[in-house]
Amino acid sequence: MKKYFVTGFVILLPVAITLLVLGFIINFLTKPFTGFVSSVLESLNIANNGFLFLSHEQVIVYTSKLLILILLFLITIALGVVTRWFFIRTALHLGDKILHRIPIVNTVYKTSQDIIKTLFVSDKNTFKQVVMVPFPRADVYALGLIARESPQICCQKAGEELISVLIPTTPNPTTGFLLMYPKKDLILIDMKPEDAVKYIVSCGVIVPESPRLPP
């Protein structure tokens, strides 16, 4: 019985986590507009009846969320097209300068902007190389992902070139430690980042396959 329970748990847990994350994202995006769209649907007498096991109110809410997601998707695409226009791009550039000059706001805005550009726009191989590093002591190793070169001032103080390495925590890889290592302390691993994350999330249960050596 225990074996069957564990097998079912392993199968259902990733599905449950995925549904929870998707539900959170959908609610986060649609909640500010759900009330307005639902009232519009009610006034237009759309979806007056229930559907299958859903009540009239649930049909209205779910239809509203679907319409909001579609509208947000279209608005995002339209915004991407519009920003390519010269005058709109100039206005956005001016707004960007203004936000950079507002105290407190500029710190949050610039930090978010830099992170997004680094992760999604930059062509650098950020978090693409898996390494083994000594952590938390010299004779113990942890898996990490190379972020990029450490700040120059840190390298100057240390007297050598340093590399910033993200060490995710188990079983929640969204938190971790950002450590700076000399290049000589990094052991490069021929492992995909997603395989390393799976190994960390599973607490070492899911072991990545070793790459086949050429004959």
N, C-alpha and C. Protein backbone atom coordinates (compact mmCIF):
# COMPACT_ATOMS: atom_id res chain seq x y z
N MET A 1 0.83 -1.20 0.00
CA MET A 1 0.00 0.00 0.00
C MET A 1 0.87 1.26 0.00
N LYS A 2 1.93 1.25 0.82
CA LYS A 2 2.81 2.41 0.89
C LYS A 2 3.47 2.69 -0.45
N LYS A 3 3.89 1.59 -1.14
CA LYS A 3 4.54 1.76 -2.44
C LYS A 3 3.60 2.40 -3.45
N TYR A 4 2.33 1.97 -3.46
CA TYR A 4 1.35 2.52 -4.39
C TYR A 4 1.05 3.99 -4.06
N PHE A 5 0.99 4.28 -2.76
CA PHE A 5 0.73 5.66 -2.36
C PHE A 5 1.86 6.59 -2.82
N VAL A 6 3.11 6.16 -2.61
CA VAL A 6 4.26 6.98 -3.01
C VAL A 6 4.27 7.18 -4.51
N THR A 7 3.96 6.11 -5.28
CA THR A 7 3.92 6.22 -6.74
C THR A 7 2.86 7.23 -7.18
N GLY A 8 1.67 7.12 -6.60
CA GLY A 8 0.62 8.08 -6.94
C GLY A 8 0.96 9.49 -6.53
N PHE A 9 1.62 9.63 -5.37
CA PHE A 9 2.03 10.95 -4.88
C PHE A 9 3.03 11.60 -5.82
N VAL A 10 4.00 10.82 -6.29
CA VAL A 10 5.02 11.34 -7.22
C VAL A 10 4.39 11.79 -8.52
N ILE A 11 3.33 11.09 -8.95
CA ILE A 11 2.66 11.45 -10.21
C ILE A 11 1.80 12.69 -10.04
N LEU A 12 1.07 12.76 -8.91
CA LEU A 12 0.10 13.84 -8.73
C LEU A 12 0.74 15.15 -8.27
N LEU A 13 1.84 15.07 -7.51
CA LEU A 13 2.42 16.30 -6.95
C LEU A 13 2.86 17.29 -8.02
N PRO A 14 3.62 16.88 -9.06
CA PRO A 14 3.99 17.86 -10.10
C PRO A 14 2.77 18.48 -10.78
N VAL A 15 1.72 17.65 -11.01
CA VAL A 15 0.50 18.17 -11.64
C VAL A 15 -0.17 19.20 -10.73
N ALA A 16 -0.23 18.88 -9.42
CA ALA A 16 -0.86 19.81 -8.47
C ALA A 16 -0.08 21.12 -8.39
N ILE A 17 1.25 21.03 -8.34
CA ILE A 17 2.07 22.24 -8.27
C ILE A 17 1.90 23.08 -9.52
N THR A 18 1.85 22.42 -10.69
CA THR A 18 1.67 23.14 -11.96
C THR A 18 0.33 23.86 -11.98
N LEU A 19 -0.72 23.17 -11.53
CA LEU A 19 -2.05 23.79 -11.50
C LEU A 19 -2.12 24.96 -10.53
N LEU A 20 -1.45 24.81 -9.37
CA LEU A 20 -1.43 25.90 -8.40
C LEU A 20 -0.72 27.13 -8.95
N VAL A 21 0.42 26.91 -9.61
CA VAL A 21 1.18 28.04 -10.17
C VAL A 21 0.37 28.71 -11.28
N LEU A 22 -0.23 27.89 -12.17
CA LEU A 22 -1.03 28.47 -13.24
C LEU A 22 -2.24 29.22 -12.69
N GLY A 23 -2.87 28.65 -11.66
CA GLY A 23 -4.01 29.32 -11.05
C GLY A 23 -3.62 30.65 -10.43
N PHE A 24 -2.46 30.67 -9.77
CA PHE A 24 -1.99 31.92 -9.17
C PHE A 24 -1.73 32.98 -10.24
N ILE A 25 -1.07 32.58 -11.34
CA ILE A 25 -0.75 33.54 -12.41
C ILE A 25 -2.03 34.06 -13.05
N ILE A 26 -2.98 33.15 -13.32
CA ILE A 26 -4.24 33.57 -13.96
C ILE A 26 -5.01 34.51 -13.06
N ASN A 27 -5.11 34.19 -11.77
CA ASN A 27 -5.83 35.06 -10.84
C ASN A 27 -5.13 36.41 -10.69
N PHE A 28 -3.79 36.39 -10.67
CA PHE A 28 -3.02 37.63 -10.54
C PHE A 28 -3.27 38.56 -11.73
N LEU A 29 -3.38 37.99 -12.93
CA LEU A 29 -3.55 38.80 -14.14
C LEU A 29 -5.00 39.25 -14.33
N THR A 30 -5.94 38.42 -13.91
CA THR A 30 -7.34 38.70 -14.24
C THR A 30 -8.14 39.35 -13.12
N LYS A 31 -7.70 39.20 -11.87
CA LYS A 31 -8.49 39.67 -10.73
C LYS A 31 -8.86 41.15 -10.81
N PRO A 32 -7.94 42.06 -11.23
CA PRO A 32 -8.32 43.48 -11.27
C PRO A 32 -9.44 43.80 -12.25
N PHE A 33 -9.68 42.92 -13.24
CA PHE A 33 -10.65 43.24 -14.29
C PHE A 33 -11.88 42.32 -14.27
N THR A 34 -11.85 41.27 -13.43
CA THR A 34 -12.93 40.28 -13.46
C THR A 34 -14.28 40.90 -13.14
N GLY A 35 -14.34 41.76 -12.13
CA GLY A 35 -15.61 42.36 -11.74
C GLY A 35 -16.24 43.16 -12.87
N PHE A 36 -15.43 43.97 -13.55
CA PHE A 36 -15.96 44.81 -14.63
C PHE A 36 -16.45 43.96 -15.80
N VAL A 37 -15.63 42.99 -16.23
CA VAL A 37 -16.01 42.15 -17.36
C VAL A 37 -17.23 41.31 -17.03
N SER A 38 -17.31 40.81 -15.78
CA SER A 38 -18.46 40.01 -15.39
C SER A 38 -19.75 40.84 -15.44
N SER A 39 -19.67 42.09 -14.98
CA SER A 39 -20.86 42.96 -15.03
C SER A 39 -21.28 43.25 -16.46
N VAL A 40 -20.29 43.38 -17.36
CA VAL A 40 -20.62 43.61 -18.78
C VAL A 40 -21.31 42.38 -19.36
N LEU A 41 -20.80 41.19 -19.06
CA LEU A 41 -21.42 39.96 -19.55
C LEU A 41 -22.84 39.81 -19.00
N GLU A 42 -23.02 40.17 -17.74
CA GLU A 42 -24.36 40.10 -17.14
C GLU A 42 -25.32 41.05 -17.83
N SER A 43 -24.85 42.27 -18.10
CA SER A 43 -25.72 43.26 -18.74
C SER A 43 -26.07 42.88 -20.17
N LEU A 44 -25.17 42.12 -20.83
CA LEU A 44 -25.42 41.70 -22.21
C LEU A 44 -26.18 40.38 -22.27
N ASN A 45 -26.52 39.83 -21.10
CA ASN A 45 -27.24 38.56 -21.03
C ASN A 45 -26.50 37.43 -21.73
N ILE A 46 -25.18 37.44 -21.58
CA ILE A 46 -24.36 36.38 -22.16
C ILE A 46 -24.13 35.30 -21.09
N ALA A 47 -24.21 34.06 -21.50
CA ALA A 47 -24.02 32.92 -20.61
C ALA A 47 -25.00 32.98 -19.44
N ASN A 48 -26.29 33.03 -19.79
CA ASN A 48 -27.32 33.11 -18.75
C ASN A 48 -27.48 31.81 -17.97
N ASN A 49 -27.20 30.69 -18.63
CA ASN A 49 -27.41 29.39 -18.01
C ASN A 49 -26.09 28.79 -17.55
N GLY A 50 -26.19 27.79 -16.70
CA GLY A 50 -25.01 27.06 -16.29
C GLY A 50 -24.53 26.15 -17.40
N PHE A 51 -23.39 25.54 -17.18
CA PHE A 51 -22.83 24.64 -18.19
C PHE A 51 -22.27 23.42 -17.47
N LEU A 52 -22.85 22.24 -17.80
CA LEU A 52 -22.46 20.99 -17.14
C LEU A 52 -22.63 21.14 -15.62
N PHE A 53 -21.53 20.99 -14.87
CA PHE A 53 -21.61 21.09 -13.41
C PHE A 53 -21.35 22.50 -12.90
N LEU A 54 -21.16 23.47 -13.81
CA LEU A 54 -20.89 24.84 -13.42
C LEU A 54 -22.18 25.64 -13.29
N SER A 55 -22.25 26.46 -12.25
CA SER A 55 -23.41 27.32 -12.06
C SER A 55 -23.32 28.53 -12.98
N HIS A 56 -24.40 29.30 -13.01
CA HIS A 56 -24.43 30.52 -13.84
C HIS A 56 -23.31 31.48 -13.44
N GLU A 57 -23.13 31.69 -12.14
CA GLU A 57 -22.09 32.61 -11.66
C GLU A 57 -20.69 32.13 -12.04
N GLN A 58 -20.46 30.81 -11.94
CA GLN A 58 -19.14 30.28 -12.30
C GLN A 58 -18.87 30.42 -13.79
N VAL A 59 -19.88 30.19 -14.60
CA VAL A 59 -19.72 30.36 -16.05
C VAL A 59 -19.34 31.80 -16.37
N ILE A 60 -20.01 32.76 -15.71
CA ILE A 60 -19.70 34.17 -15.93
C ILE A 60 -18.26 34.48 -15.53
N VAL A 61 -17.82 34.00 -14.37
CA VAL A 61 -16.47 34.29 -13.87
C VAL A 61 -15.41 33.68 -14.78
N TYR A 62 -15.59 32.39 -15.15
CA TYR A 62 -14.59 31.72 -15.98
C TYR A 62 -14.55 32.31 -17.39
N THR A 63 -15.72 32.68 -17.92
CA THR A 63 -15.75 33.32 -19.24
C THR A 63 -15.05 34.67 -19.19
N SER A 64 -15.26 35.40 -18.09
CA SER A 64 -14.60 36.71 -17.93
C SER A 64 -13.09 36.55 -17.91
N LYS A 65 -12.60 35.56 -17.15
CA LYS A 65 -11.15 35.34 -17.06
C LYS A 65 -10.57 34.95 -18.41
N LEU A 66 -11.29 34.12 -19.15
CA LEU A 66 -10.81 33.72 -20.48
C LEU A 66 -10.72 34.92 -21.41
N LEU A 67 -11.76 35.76 -21.41
CA LEU A 67 -11.76 36.96 -22.26
C LEU A 67 -10.64 37.91 -21.85
N ILE A 68 -10.40 38.05 -20.54
CA ILE A 68 -9.34 38.94 -20.06
C ILE A 68 -7.98 38.44 -20.51
N LEU A 69 -7.74 37.13 -20.40
CA LEU A 69 -6.45 36.57 -20.83
C LEU A 69 -6.22 36.78 -22.32
N ILE A 70 -7.28 36.56 -23.11
CA ILE A 70 -7.15 36.78 -24.56
C ILE A 70 -6.86 38.25 -24.85
N LEU A 71 -7.57 39.14 -24.15
CA LEU A 71 -7.37 40.57 -24.36
C LEU A 71 -5.96 41.01 -23.94
N LEU A 72 -5.48 40.50 -22.81
CA LEU A 72 -4.13 40.83 -22.37
C LEU A 72 -3.09 40.33 -23.36
N PHE A 73 -3.32 39.15 -23.92
CA PHE A 73 -2.40 38.61 -24.93
C PHE A 73 -2.35 39.51 -26.16
N LEU A 74 -3.53 39.92 -26.63
CA LEU A 74 -3.59 40.79 -27.80
C LEU A 74 -2.97 42.16 -27.51
N ILE A 75 -3.22 42.69 -26.31
CA ILE A 75 -2.65 43.99 -25.93
C ILE A 75 -1.13 43.91 -25.88
N THR A 76 -0.60 42.79 -25.35
CA THR A 76 0.86 42.62 -25.28
C THR A 76 1.48 42.61 -26.67
N ILE A 77 0.84 41.88 -27.60
CA ILE A 77 1.34 41.85 -28.98
C ILE A 77 1.25 43.23 -29.60
N ALA A 78 0.11 43.91 -29.41
CA ALA A 78 -0.07 45.24 -29.98
C ALA A 78 0.95 46.22 -29.42
N LEU A 79 1.24 46.10 -28.11
CA LEU A 79 2.23 46.99 -27.49
C LEU A 79 3.61 46.75 -28.09
N GLY A 80 3.94 45.48 -28.35
CA GLY A 80 5.23 45.18 -28.97
C GLY A 80 5.34 45.77 -30.37
N VAL A 81 4.22 45.76 -31.11
CA VAL A 81 4.23 46.34 -32.46
C VAL A 81 4.34 47.86 -32.39
N VAL A 82 3.55 48.44 -31.48
CA VAL A 82 3.51 49.90 -31.39
C VAL A 82 4.87 50.46 -30.95
N THR A 83 5.55 49.78 -30.04
CA THR A 83 6.81 50.32 -29.53
C THR A 83 7.88 50.38 -30.60
N ARG A 84 7.66 49.72 -31.72
CA ARG A 84 8.61 49.80 -32.82
C ARG A 84 8.45 51.08 -33.63
N TRP A 85 7.37 51.75 -33.41
CA TRP A 85 7.17 53.01 -34.12
C TRP A 85 8.07 54.07 -33.50
N PHE A 86 8.57 54.93 -34.30
CA PHE A 86 9.58 55.90 -33.87
C PHE A 86 9.06 56.83 -32.78
N PHE A 87 7.89 57.43 -32.97
CA PHE A 87 7.41 58.43 -32.02
C PHE A 87 7.05 57.78 -30.68
N ILE A 88 6.44 56.59 -30.74
CA ILE A 88 6.10 55.91 -29.50
C ILE A 88 7.37 55.50 -28.76
N ARG A 89 8.37 55.08 -29.53
CA ARG A 89 9.63 54.68 -28.90
C ARG A 89 10.28 55.87 -28.21
N THR A 90 10.17 57.03 -28.85
CA THR A 90 10.73 58.24 -28.25
C THR A 90 10.01 58.59 -26.95
N ALA A 91 8.67 58.46 -26.96
CA ALA A 91 7.90 58.76 -25.75
C ALA A 91 8.24 57.79 -24.62
N LEU A 92 8.40 56.51 -24.97
CA LEU A 92 8.77 55.52 -23.95
C LEU A 92 10.16 55.80 -23.40
N HIS A 93 11.06 56.25 -24.29
CA HIS A 93 12.41 56.59 -23.83
C HIS A 93 12.37 57.76 -22.86
N LEU A 94 11.50 58.74 -23.16
CA LEU A 94 11.35 59.89 -22.25
C LEU A 94 10.77 59.44 -20.91
N GLY A 95 9.74 58.57 -20.96
CA GLY A 95 9.16 58.05 -19.73
C GLY A 95 10.17 57.25 -18.92
N ASP A 96 11.03 56.52 -19.62
CA ASP A 96 12.08 55.75 -18.95
C ASP A 96 13.03 56.68 -18.20
N LYS A 97 13.39 57.80 -18.84
CA LYS A 97 14.27 58.78 -18.19
C LYS A 97 13.61 59.38 -16.95
N ILE A 98 12.31 59.67 -17.04
CA ILE A 98 11.60 60.26 -15.90
C ILE A 98 11.57 59.29 -14.73
N LEU A 99 11.28 58.01 -15.01
CA LEU A 99 11.24 57.01 -13.95
C LEU A 99 12.60 56.81 -13.29
N HIS A 100 13.66 57.01 -14.08
CA HIS A 100 15.01 56.86 -13.53
C HIS A 100 15.38 58.02 -12.60
N ARG A 101 14.61 59.11 -12.65
CA ARG A 101 14.93 60.29 -11.83
C ARG A 101 14.06 60.40 -10.58
N ILE A 102 13.04 59.56 -10.45
CA ILE A 102 12.15 59.62 -9.28
C ILE A 102 12.77 58.81 -8.15
N PRO A 103 13.01 59.42 -6.99
CA PRO A 103 13.61 58.69 -5.86
C PRO A 103 12.77 57.48 -5.47
N ILE A 104 13.42 56.44 -5.02
CA ILE A 104 12.81 55.17 -4.59
C ILE A 104 12.26 54.41 -5.80
N VAL A 105 11.41 55.08 -6.59
CA VAL A 105 10.86 54.42 -7.78
C VAL A 105 11.98 54.01 -8.73
N ASN A 106 13.01 54.88 -8.88
CA ASN A 106 14.07 54.58 -9.82
C ASN A 106 14.86 53.33 -9.42
N THR A 107 15.00 53.09 -8.12
CA THR A 107 15.75 51.91 -7.66
C THR A 107 15.01 50.63 -8.06
N VAL A 108 13.70 50.58 -7.76
CA VAL A 108 12.91 49.39 -8.08
C VAL A 108 12.82 49.21 -9.59
N TYR A 109 12.57 50.29 -10.31
CA TYR A 109 12.39 50.22 -11.76
C TYR A 109 13.67 49.77 -12.47
N LYS A 110 14.80 50.39 -12.11
CA LYS A 110 16.06 50.06 -12.78
C LYS A 110 16.50 48.64 -12.46
N THR A 111 16.32 48.21 -11.20
CA THR A 111 16.70 46.85 -10.84
C THR A 111 15.89 45.83 -11.61
N SER A 112 14.57 46.04 -11.67
CA SER A 112 13.70 45.13 -12.42
C SER A 112 14.05 45.12 -13.90
N GLN A 113 14.33 46.29 -14.42
CA GLN A 113 14.68 46.42 -15.84
C GLN A 113 15.97 45.68 -16.16
N ASP A 114 16.98 45.83 -15.31
CA ASP A 114 18.26 45.17 -15.54
C ASP A 114 18.13 43.66 -15.48
N ILE A 115 17.35 43.16 -14.50
CA ILE A 115 17.18 41.71 -14.36
C ILE A 115 16.47 41.13 -15.58
N ILE A 116 15.40 41.80 -16.02
CA ILE A 116 14.64 41.30 -17.17
C ILE A 116 15.48 41.32 -18.43
N LYS A 117 16.24 42.40 -18.64
CA LYS A 117 17.09 42.48 -19.83
C LYS A 117 18.16 41.40 -19.81
N THR A 118 18.72 41.14 -18.65
CA THR A 118 19.78 40.14 -18.54
C THR A 118 19.24 38.74 -18.82
N LEU A 119 18.05 38.43 -18.28
CA LEU A 119 17.51 37.09 -18.40
C LEU A 119 16.87 36.82 -19.76
N PHE A 120 16.18 37.82 -20.33
CA PHE A 120 15.37 37.57 -21.51
C PHE A 120 15.85 38.24 -22.79
N VAL A 121 16.65 39.27 -22.66
CA VAL A 121 17.08 40.01 -23.86
C VAL A 121 18.55 39.77 -24.15
N SER A 122 19.37 39.74 -23.13
CA SER A 122 20.80 39.60 -23.33
C SER A 122 21.11 38.26 -23.98
N ASP A 123 22.14 38.26 -24.85
CA ASP A 123 22.56 37.02 -25.51
C ASP A 123 23.65 36.32 -24.73
N LYS A 124 23.96 36.79 -23.53
CA LYS A 124 24.97 36.14 -22.72
C LYS A 124 24.45 34.80 -22.21
N ASN A 125 25.39 33.88 -21.93
CA ASN A 125 25.01 32.55 -21.48
C ASN A 125 24.77 32.55 -19.98
N THR A 126 23.84 33.36 -19.52
CA THR A 126 23.54 33.45 -18.10
C THR A 126 22.83 32.19 -17.63
N PHE A 127 23.32 31.61 -16.53
CA PHE A 127 22.75 30.40 -15.93
C PHE A 127 22.71 29.24 -16.91
N LYS A 128 23.65 29.18 -17.85
CA LYS A 128 23.69 28.09 -18.83
C LYS A 128 24.74 27.04 -18.48
N GLN A 129 25.72 27.39 -17.65
CA GLN A 129 26.80 26.47 -17.31
C GLN A 129 26.65 25.98 -15.88
N VAL A 130 26.61 24.66 -15.72
CA VAL A 130 26.53 24.04 -14.40
C VAL A 130 27.94 23.79 -13.89
N VAL A 131 28.14 24.07 -12.60
CA VAL A 131 29.45 23.87 -12.00
C VAL A 131 29.30 23.21 -10.63
N MET A 132 30.39 22.57 -10.19
CA MET A 132 30.50 22.11 -8.82
C MET A 132 31.41 23.09 -8.09
N VAL A 133 30.98 23.51 -6.91
CA VAL A 133 31.77 24.47 -6.13
C VAL A 133 31.85 23.99 -4.68
N PRO A 134 32.94 24.33 -3.99
CA PRO A 134 33.04 23.99 -2.57
C PRO A 134 32.05 24.82 -1.74
N PHE A 135 31.10 24.12 -1.11
CA PHE A 135 30.08 24.79 -0.31
C PHE A 135 29.38 23.75 0.55
N PRO A 136 29.21 23.95 1.84
CA PRO A 136 29.54 25.15 2.63
C PRO A 136 30.96 25.16 3.17
N ARG A 137 31.76 24.11 2.86
CA ARG A 137 33.15 24.12 3.27
C ARG A 137 34.00 23.52 2.16
N ALA A 138 35.29 23.52 2.35
CA ALA A 138 36.21 23.18 1.27
C ALA A 138 36.07 21.75 0.78
N ASP A 139 35.75 20.80 1.66
CA ASP A 139 35.71 19.39 1.26
C ASP A 139 34.30 18.90 0.95
N VAL A 140 33.34 19.83 0.79
CA VAL A 140 31.97 19.49 0.43
C VAL A 140 31.60 20.30 -0.82
N TYR A 141 30.88 19.65 -1.76
CA TYR A 141 30.57 20.33 -3.01
C TYR A 141 29.06 20.49 -3.20
N ALA A 142 28.70 21.54 -3.92
CA ALA A 142 27.30 21.82 -4.27
C ALA A 142 27.22 22.15 -5.75
N LEU A 143 26.05 21.88 -6.34
CA LEU A 143 25.83 22.26 -7.73
C LEU A 143 25.43 23.73 -7.81
N GLY A 144 25.98 24.43 -8.77
CA GLY A 144 25.64 25.84 -8.96
C GLY A 144 25.54 26.19 -10.43
N LEU A 145 25.00 27.37 -10.70
CA LEU A 145 24.86 27.88 -12.07
C LEU A 145 25.65 29.18 -12.18
N ILE A 146 26.50 29.26 -13.18
CA ILE A 146 27.29 30.48 -13.38
C ILE A 146 26.37 31.61 -13.83
N ALA A 147 26.40 32.72 -13.10
CA ALA A 147 25.61 33.89 -13.48
C ALA A 147 26.40 34.72 -14.50
N ARG A 148 27.51 35.28 -14.05
CA ARG A 148 28.41 36.04 -14.93
C ARG A 148 29.61 36.47 -14.10
N GLU A 149 30.44 37.34 -14.67
CA GLU A 149 31.60 37.82 -13.94
C GLU A 149 31.14 38.66 -12.74
N SER A 150 31.89 38.58 -11.65
CA SER A 150 31.57 39.36 -10.45
C SER A 150 31.90 40.84 -10.69
N PRO A 151 31.33 41.74 -9.87
CA PRO A 151 31.64 43.17 -10.02
C PRO A 151 33.15 43.41 -9.96
N GLN A 152 33.61 44.35 -10.77
CA GLN A 152 35.04 44.60 -10.88
C GLN A 152 35.65 45.03 -9.56
N ILE A 153 34.88 45.79 -8.76
CA ILE A 153 35.42 46.24 -7.48
C ILE A 153 35.67 45.06 -6.54
N CYS A 154 34.83 44.02 -6.63
CA CYS A 154 35.04 42.82 -5.81
C CYS A 154 36.29 42.07 -6.26
N CYS A 155 36.48 42.00 -7.57
CA CYS A 155 37.67 41.33 -8.08
C CYS A 155 38.94 42.06 -7.67
N GLN A 156 38.88 43.38 -7.69
CA GLN A 156 40.06 44.17 -7.30
C GLN A 156 40.39 43.97 -5.83
N LYS A 157 39.37 43.94 -4.98
CA LYS A 157 39.61 43.75 -3.55
C LYS A 157 40.15 42.36 -3.25
N ALA A 158 39.68 41.35 -4.00
CA ALA A 158 40.14 39.99 -3.79
C ALA A 158 41.50 39.72 -4.43
N GLY A 159 41.88 40.58 -5.37
CA GLY A 159 43.17 40.42 -6.04
C GLY A 159 43.17 39.37 -7.12
N GLU A 160 42.00 38.93 -7.56
CA GLU A 160 41.91 37.95 -8.64
C GLU A 160 40.51 38.01 -9.26
N GLU A 161 40.38 37.40 -10.44
CA GLU A 161 39.10 37.42 -11.14
C GLU A 161 38.12 36.48 -10.44
N LEU A 162 36.91 36.96 -10.18
CA LEU A 162 35.88 36.18 -9.50
C LEU A 162 34.69 35.95 -10.43
N ILE A 163 34.03 34.83 -10.24
CA ILE A 163 32.84 34.48 -11.01
C ILE A 163 31.67 34.34 -10.05
N SER A 164 30.54 34.97 -10.38
CA SER A 164 29.33 34.87 -9.55
C SER A 164 28.61 33.57 -9.86
N VAL A 165 28.31 32.80 -8.82
CA VAL A 165 27.65 31.50 -8.97
C VAL A 165 26.40 31.47 -8.10
N LEU A 166 25.28 31.07 -8.69
CA LEU A 166 24.03 30.91 -7.95
C LEU A 166 23.94 29.46 -7.50
N ILE A 167 23.78 29.26 -6.19
CA ILE A 167 23.60 27.92 -5.63
C ILE A 167 22.16 27.80 -5.15
N PRO A 168 21.28 27.13 -5.93
CA PRO A 168 19.87 27.00 -5.52
C PRO A 168 19.74 26.10 -4.30
N THR A 169 18.69 26.34 -3.52
CA THR A 169 18.45 25.52 -2.33
C THR A 169 17.46 24.39 -2.66
N THR A 170 17.47 23.37 -1.81
CA THR A 170 16.60 22.21 -1.96
C THR A 170 15.48 22.27 -0.93
N PRO A 171 14.22 21.96 -1.27
CA PRO A 171 13.72 21.59 -2.61
C PRO A 171 13.15 22.78 -3.38
N ASN A 172 13.37 24.00 -2.87
CA ASN A 172 12.83 25.20 -3.51
C ASN A 172 13.96 25.95 -4.20
N PRO A 173 14.13 25.77 -5.52
CA PRO A 173 15.26 26.39 -6.22
C PRO A 173 15.09 27.88 -6.49
N THR A 174 13.93 28.46 -6.10
CA THR A 174 13.75 29.89 -6.32
C THR A 174 14.49 30.71 -5.27
N THR A 175 15.01 30.06 -4.24
CA THR A 175 15.88 30.73 -3.27
C THR A 175 17.26 30.08 -3.34
N GLY A 176 18.24 30.77 -2.82
CA GLY A 176 19.59 30.21 -2.86
C GLY A 176 20.62 31.20 -2.37
N PHE A 177 21.87 30.91 -2.71
CA PHE A 177 22.99 31.75 -2.32
C PHE A 177 23.73 32.23 -3.56
N LEU A 178 24.09 33.50 -3.58
CA LEU A 178 24.90 34.05 -4.65
C LEU A 178 26.31 34.23 -4.09
N LEU A 179 27.23 33.41 -4.56
CA LEU A 179 28.60 33.41 -4.05
C LEU A 179 29.58 33.73 -5.17
N MET A 180 30.72 34.29 -4.79
CA MET A 180 31.75 34.65 -5.76
C MET A 180 32.97 33.74 -5.55
N TYR A 181 33.37 33.06 -6.62
CA TYR A 181 34.47 32.10 -6.57
C TYR A 181 35.57 32.48 -7.55
N PRO A 182 36.82 32.20 -7.19
CA PRO A 182 37.89 32.28 -8.20
C PRO A 182 37.66 31.21 -9.26
N LYS A 183 38.13 31.47 -10.47
CA LYS A 183 37.92 30.52 -11.56
C LYS A 183 38.51 29.15 -11.25
N LYS A 184 39.62 29.12 -10.52
CA LYS A 184 40.29 27.86 -10.24
C LYS A 184 39.46 26.96 -9.32
N ASP A 185 38.50 27.52 -8.59
CA ASP A 185 37.68 26.73 -7.68
C ASP A 185 36.44 26.16 -8.36
N LEU A 186 36.19 26.52 -9.61
CA LEU A 186 35.01 26.05 -10.33
C LEU A 186 35.32 24.74 -11.06
N ILE A 187 34.47 23.77 -10.89
CA ILE A 187 34.58 22.50 -11.61
C ILE A 187 33.43 22.45 -12.61
N LEU A 188 33.75 22.63 -13.90
CA LEU A 188 32.71 22.65 -14.93
C LEU A 188 32.11 21.26 -15.10
N ILE A 189 30.80 21.20 -15.19
CA ILE A 189 30.08 19.93 -15.30
C ILE A 189 29.33 19.90 -16.63
N ASP A 190 29.45 18.77 -17.35
CA ASP A 190 28.71 18.59 -18.60
C ASP A 190 27.29 18.13 -18.27
N MET A 191 26.50 19.08 -17.78
CA MET A 191 25.13 18.78 -17.36
C MET A 191 24.22 19.93 -17.77
N LYS A 192 23.03 19.62 -18.24
CA LYS A 192 22.08 20.66 -18.62
C LYS A 192 21.55 21.36 -17.36
N PRO A 193 21.33 22.68 -17.42
CA PRO A 193 20.80 23.39 -16.25
C PRO A 193 19.49 22.81 -15.75
N GLU A 194 18.60 22.39 -16.68
CA GLU A 194 17.32 21.84 -16.24
C GLU A 194 17.50 20.52 -15.49
N ASP A 195 18.52 19.73 -15.90
CA ASP A 195 18.81 18.49 -15.19
C ASP A 195 19.35 18.77 -13.79
N ALA A 196 20.17 19.81 -13.68
CA ALA A 196 20.70 20.19 -12.37
C ALA A 196 19.57 20.64 -11.45
N VAL A 197 18.62 21.41 -12.00
CA VAL A 197 17.49 21.89 -11.19
C VAL A 197 16.61 20.72 -10.75
N LYS A 198 16.39 19.75 -11.66
CA LYS A 198 15.61 18.56 -11.29
C LYS A 198 16.28 17.81 -10.15
N TYR A 199 17.60 17.69 -10.22
CA TYR A 199 18.35 16.99 -9.18
C TYR A 199 18.19 17.70 -7.84
N ILE A 200 18.24 19.03 -7.87
CA ILE A 200 18.13 19.82 -6.65
C ILE A 200 16.71 19.77 -6.09
N VAL A 201 15.70 19.93 -6.96
CA VAL A 201 14.31 19.93 -6.51
C VAL A 201 13.93 18.58 -5.92
N SER A 202 14.44 17.49 -6.51
CA SER A 202 14.08 16.15 -6.06
C SER A 202 14.89 15.71 -4.84
N CYS A 203 15.69 16.62 -4.30
CA CYS A 203 16.54 16.30 -3.13
C CYS A 203 17.52 15.17 -3.45
N GLY A 204 17.99 15.13 -4.69
CA GLY A 204 18.97 14.13 -5.08
C GLY A 204 18.39 12.81 -5.53
N VAL A 205 17.05 12.69 -5.58
CA VAL A 205 16.43 11.43 -5.99
C VAL A 205 16.54 11.22 -7.49
N ILE A 206 16.29 12.29 -8.28
CA ILE A 206 16.39 12.21 -9.74
C ILE A 206 17.83 12.52 -10.14
N VAL A 207 18.58 11.50 -10.49
CA VAL A 207 19.99 11.66 -10.84
C VAL A 207 20.12 11.81 -12.35
N PRO A 208 20.72 12.91 -12.84
CA PRO A 208 20.88 13.09 -14.30
C PRO A 208 21.75 11.99 -14.88
N GLU A 209 21.41 11.60 -16.11
CA GLU A 209 22.21 10.59 -16.79
C GLU A 209 23.56 11.17 -17.17
N SER A 210 24.60 10.33 -17.05
CA SER A 210 25.94 10.79 -17.43
C SER A 210 26.03 10.82 -18.94
N PRO A 211 26.67 11.87 -19.50
CA PRO A 211 26.81 11.94 -20.95
C PRO A 211 27.68 10.80 -21.48
N ARG A 212 27.30 10.28 -22.64
CA ARG A 212 28.07 9.19 -23.23
C ARG A 212 29.40 9.71 -23.79
N LEU A 213 30.45 9.02 -23.43
CA LEU A 213 31.76 9.40 -23.93
C LEU A 213 31.94 8.88 -25.34
N PRO A 214 32.60 9.68 -26.23
CA PRO A 214 32.79 9.22 -27.61
C PRO A 214 33.67 7.99 -27.64
N PRO A 215 33.41 7.03 -28.55
CA PRO A 215 34.22 5.81 -28.62
C PRO A 215 35.65 6.11 -29.07
